[in-house]
């Protein structure tokens, strides 16, 4: 059982890593619309919260091997391992996978991911920007919303569509 779960996790991490290179839209200071979250969402939902956290945190650490925008180790931790670990909450779907829960838990996971990106942006945007906007908080919120909201909508729709089809085969 553990070997199967590790194998499924490795496949989902690999797929997420590949999808991370296929951005639909990329922003200049990091972030973009991508489908890399879908395999993490699926794996978390079948592995449970602990397995999901370990896999998603690992995926965040894998971002060290990709060209990414980070200026400080704490900023990296906030923007990658902690942000992607947010999908662990989908592990609670293992016990209760009603349609409404799929939508709510997915949106909650993306809100948690946005929280980590916003904290990172508020702490470190001064290092990215040459000229600071008047209202840094509003700038960070709108910058992150510009890619998190479309990503959340697209990935949640695909996740909900795939969930029942894939989880029956993956359990």
Protein backbone atom coordinates (compact mmCIF):
# COMPACT_ATOMS: atom_id res chain seq x y z
CA UNK A 1 0.00 0.00 0.00
CA UNK A 2 2.77 2.47 0.92
CA UNK A 3 4.74 1.66 -2.23
CA UNK A 4 1.67 2.31 -4.38
CA UNK A 5 1.04 5.63 -2.66
CA UNK A 6 4.68 6.71 -3.08
CA UNK A 7 4.52 5.72 -6.76
CA UNK A 8 1.30 7.71 -7.27
CA UNK A 9 2.89 10.65 -5.48
CA UNK A 10 5.99 10.52 -7.68
CA UNK A 11 3.83 10.43 -10.81
CA UNK A 12 1.74 13.39 -9.63
CA UNK A 13 4.84 15.39 -8.65
CA UNK A 14 6.41 14.69 -12.04
CA UNK A 15 3.26 15.72 -13.86
CA UNK A 16 2.97 18.90 -11.78
CA UNK A 17 6.61 19.71 -12.48
CA UNK A 18 6.11 19.32 -16.24
CA UNK A 19 2.87 21.33 -16.19
CA UNK A 20 4.75 24.06 -14.32
CA UNK A 21 6.76 24.72 -17.47
CA UNK A 22 3.59 25.19 -19.55
CA UNK A 23 2.30 28.51 -18.27
CA UNK A 24 -0.84 29.86 -19.87
CA UNK A 25 0.22 33.35 -18.75
CA UNK A 26 3.36 34.51 -16.89
CA UNK A 27 3.76 37.65 -14.80
CA UNK A 28 7.02 39.64 -14.67
CA UNK A 29 7.75 39.26 -10.92
CA UNK A 30 6.75 35.62 -10.57
CA UNK A 31 3.42 33.89 -10.65
CA UNK A 32 1.29 32.96 -13.58
CA UNK A 33 -1.66 30.95 -14.73
CA UNK A 34 -0.69 27.30 -14.83
CA UNK A 35 -2.23 23.85 -14.44
CA UNK A 36 0.52 22.52 -12.16
CA UNK A 37 -1.82 22.50 -9.16
CA UNK A 38 -4.16 19.85 -10.58
CA UNK A 39 -1.92 16.79 -9.96
CA UNK A 40 -1.18 18.10 -6.44
CA UNK A 41 -4.90 18.50 -5.80
CA UNK A 42 -5.66 14.99 -7.04
CA UNK A 43 -2.85 13.38 -5.07
CA UNK A 44 -3.78 15.21 -1.86
CA UNK A 45 -7.37 14.07 -2.21
CA UNK A 46 -6.36 10.40 -2.48
CA UNK A 47 -3.40 10.41 -0.05
CA UNK A 48 -5.04 12.26 2.80
CA UNK A 49 -3.84 15.43 4.52
CA UNK A 50 -0.46 14.11 5.74
CA UNK A 51 0.51 12.49 2.44
CA UNK A 52 -0.79 15.54 0.59
CA UNK A 53 1.25 17.92 2.74
CA UNK A 54 4.46 15.90 2.28
CA UNK A 55 3.99 15.70 -1.51
CA UNK A 56 3.00 19.35 -1.95
CA UNK A 57 5.80 20.62 0.30
CA UNK A 58 8.22 18.45 -1.68
CA UNK A 59 6.88 19.95 -4.90
CA UNK A 60 7.54 23.42 -3.50
CA UNK A 61 11.13 22.40 -2.73
CA UNK A 62 11.47 21.11 -6.30
CA UNK A 63 11.07 24.72 -7.45
CA UNK A 64 14.74 25.20 -6.51
CA UNK A 65 15.56 23.29 -9.71
CA UNK A 66 13.53 25.64 -11.91
CA UNK A 67 14.28 29.20 -12.90
CA UNK A 68 12.14 31.09 -10.42
CA UNK A 69 11.97 34.56 -8.95
CA UNK A 70 13.10 34.60 -5.35
CA UNK A 71 15.38 36.96 -3.49
CA UNK A 72 15.51 35.52 0.02
CA UNK A 73 15.24 32.04 1.57
CA UNK A 74 12.16 33.03 3.62
CA UNK A 75 10.51 34.42 0.50
CA UNK A 76 11.23 31.11 -1.28
CA UNK A 77 9.72 29.17 1.65
CA UNK A 78 6.55 31.31 1.60
CA UNK A 79 6.10 31.36 -2.18
CA UNK A 80 6.86 27.73 -2.94
CA UNK A 81 6.83 25.02 -0.22
CA UNK A 82 4.24 26.68 2.03
CA UNK A 83 2.08 28.01 -0.80
CA UNK A 84 1.91 24.67 -2.60
CA UNK A 85 1.42 22.77 0.66
CA UNK A 86 -1.93 24.54 0.91
CA UNK A 87 -3.39 21.80 -1.25
CA UNK A 88 -2.99 19.34 1.64
CA UNK A 89 -6.45 20.35 2.88
CA UNK A 90 -7.91 18.48 -0.09
CA UNK A 91 -6.75 15.37 1.77
CA UNK A 92 -9.76 15.76 4.02
CA UNK A 93 -11.93 14.93 0.99
CA UNK A 94 -10.86 11.32 1.37
CA UNK A 95 -13.65 10.83 3.91
CA UNK A 96 -16.26 13.11 2.34
CA UNK A 97 -16.17 13.72 -1.40
CA UNK A 98 -19.56 15.30 -2.04
CA UNK A 99 -19.64 17.62 -5.04
CA UNK A 100 -20.06 20.78 -2.95
CA UNK A 101 -17.09 19.81 -0.78
CA UNK A 102 -14.88 19.47 -3.87
CA UNK A 103 -15.64 23.05 -4.86
CA UNK A 104 -15.36 24.50 -1.35
CA UNK A 105 -12.14 22.69 -0.42
CA UNK A 106 -10.52 23.64 -3.74
CA UNK A 107 -11.38 27.30 -3.29
CA UNK A 108 -10.20 27.16 0.33
CA UNK A 109 -6.88 25.62 -0.79
CA UNK A 110 -6.35 28.41 -3.33
CA UNK A 111 -7.25 31.04 -0.72
CA UNK A 112 -4.63 29.55 1.59
CA UNK A 113 -2.12 29.54 -1.27
CA UNK A 114 -2.94 33.19 -1.98
CA UNK A 115 -2.41 34.00 1.70
CA UNK A 116 1.21 32.74 1.56
CA UNK A 117 1.90 34.63 -1.69
CA UNK A 118 0.43 37.83 -0.25
CA UNK A 119 2.48 37.57 2.95
CA UNK A 120 5.59 37.03 0.83
CA UNK A 121 4.71 39.96 -1.41
CA UNK A 122 4.14 42.29 1.53
CA UNK A 123 7.46 41.30 3.09
CA UNK A 124 9.61 41.28 -0.04
CA UNK A 125 8.06 43.41 -2.82
CA UNK A 126 10.44 46.25 -1.95
CA UNK A 127 13.28 44.06 -3.23
CA UNK A 128 11.52 43.45 -6.58
CA UNK A 129 10.22 46.90 -7.44
CA UNK A 130 12.33 49.89 -8.40
CA UNK A 131 9.51 52.32 -7.64
CA UNK A 132 7.11 51.50 -4.85
CA UNK A 133 3.40 52.11 -5.38
CA UNK A 134 1.56 54.36 -2.93
CA UNK A 135 -0.45 51.49 -1.47
CA UNK A 136 1.78 48.41 -1.33
CA UNK A 137 -0.96 46.25 0.19
CA UNK A 138 -3.38 47.01 -2.63
CA UNK A 139 -0.64 46.40 -5.19
CA UNK A 140 0.31 43.02 -3.69
CA UNK A 141 -3.34 41.95 -3.40
CA UNK A 142 -4.16 42.90 -6.99
CA UNK A 143 -0.93 41.42 -8.38
CA UNK A 144 -1.56 38.06 -6.71
CA UNK A 145 -5.29 38.09 -7.50
CA UNK A 146 -4.47 38.62 -11.19
CA UNK A 147 -3.15 35.08 -11.48
CA UNK A 148 -4.48 33.20 -8.42
CA UNK A 149 -8.16 33.81 -9.24
CA UNK A 150 -7.97 32.59 -12.88
CA UNK A 151 -5.74 29.67 -11.84
CA UNK A 152 -8.19 28.74 -9.07
CA UNK A 153 -11.17 28.83 -11.42
CA UNK A 154 -9.51 26.80 -14.17
CA UNK A 155 -7.87 24.24 -11.88
CA UNK A 156 -10.96 23.79 -9.70
CA UNK A 157 -13.19 23.13 -12.72
CA UNK A 158 -10.74 20.57 -14.11
CA UNK A 159 -10.17 18.99 -10.67
CA UNK A 160 -13.90 18.58 -9.97
CA UNK A 161 -14.42 17.12 -13.45
CA UNK A 162 -11.55 14.63 -13.03
CA UNK A 163 -11.98 13.81 -9.35
CA UNK A 164 -14.60 11.05 -9.52
CA UNK A 165 -13.16 9.57 -12.71
CA UNK A 166 -9.61 9.35 -11.39
CA UNK A 167 -10.09 8.61 -7.72
CA UNK A 168 -12.04 5.42 -8.43
CA UNK A 169 -9.07 4.16 -10.42
CA UNK A 170 -6.36 5.50 -8.11
CA UNK A 171 -7.69 4.11 -4.81
